[in-house]
Amino acid sequence: MLTFEEARRKVIEQVGKMRGPRERATVAVWDALGLVLVQEIKTDREYPPFDRSTRDGYAVRSSEVKPGTQLKCAGEIKAGDSVTEALAPGTCIQIMTGAAVPAGADAVVMIEYTQRKGELVRFERGAQSWQNIVRRGSEASARQTILTPGMRMGFAELALAAQVGATQLQCAKRPRVAILSTGDEVVLIDQPPGPFQIRNSNSVSLAAQVRIAGGEPVVLGNAADRVEDLGEKIERGLKEDALVLTGGVSMGKYDLVESVLKALGAEFFFDAVAIRPGKPAVFAICQGKPVFGLPGNPVSTMVTFQLFVTPAIDLLSGADAHPLPLVEARLAEPLNERPGLTHFLPARIAWHGAEPQVSALKWQGSGDIAALAGANCFLVVPAEREKSASGERVSVLLRKDIV
């Protein structure tokens, strides 16, 4: 049985072999959040295109300013003003943040360190060359490549594209991820369940996780615990870029996912992982498509998706697989967990000053969605550790959707 790190590496290795040119689309910069770029973006000019003040104050020649110096103020420059005249020797000019620094000036003294009476400005501090100025072209030169293929477009990347006038972007289309739940006990979310049935909440959470990971969910509904129905729906799912099944992967009489996948020619890379919750997780390649069989209990489904499906969606999108968002925190209360499997416990992380602290939440096992809705992370307890003391440093897996 693989550790979760080994299983994750196996997914990245196998799905990485399937990477190839993605179908692309031209997308407005407003609509490209989370998409993967397939073109180079270059600057249209130098950035900044002028020497830019980073403070409100006075533009000066640094050699002329010492504590106690008084200079005549020759005017004012605000952001957006055209600046055509050089600063005359023996003068200063009031300047606002973001404004162009006039020729001749090589420093900006912050307004807090000056006193003004009429046209005269008294400086309480000296000036150093190029203080509080961003030099022209220091952020990027003209025609410099600033965004490259394979980058996922976040808010900073989109702002950078907009800054250089790239309003239409060539991006890879999102990989389509089929989602199929299984089990006779499952009903649609808009139907009243019978006394021993449950609504199909897994399809909702999986669709949300697919979107967060950068994919497009294709919800196929639910397959009954019958080989014919399950096989038909799995074959439908294999028409998409990846297939995620939930339920039917344990050792019970009606856990049919693995046998149906085998009949369809699947090659299995693991069918159990040394974690709790989520041990009976399956990863296979079937008809050239990655297939994930996730446990049916909701918390198990959510944990195993983040561990194993998310890097596959990264790779299918044309990006590199992101590392797991693990951080360190101090344990708020002692823990005592059964060793042998790595535990992923619903928990809350909070920042008290600079150092985070994490507390495990009370929960009733892997079916307890309510507990996970109160969590913003999973506390990761290594397989070999039975007891953890209060104040001990522990690893925490952040929930990507809310932290």
Foldseek 3Di string as FASTA:
>chain_A
DAALVVQQVVLQVVLLVVFDDFDKDKDFLVPQAQFFFAAWDFFQFAVVQAWFFQAFAKFAALVQFAAFDKAFAPEEWEAPDDADDADDPRHIHTYHGGTHRHPPTFWGDHRVQWDDDVRMIGGRHGTDGNYRIDHTRPVHGGGHTDDHGQDTDHPVNSVVCVVRPNRIGITGAQFEEEEEEEEPQEDDPPDDGDPRHDYPVQLVVVCVVCVLLRHHYDYPYYFYLDLVRVLVSVVVRVVTQAYEYEALQDDDPSSCVVVSQVVQPKDWDDQAHQEPPWGRWTWIAGPNHIYIYTYHQRQSSVVVCLSHVSQSSSSNSSHHRDDFPKDKAFEAAKAFAAARGKYFAFWAWDDDDPGIYIYGDDADGSNGVVSNVVGQWTWIDHRVDGMDHGRDMTMIGGDSPPD
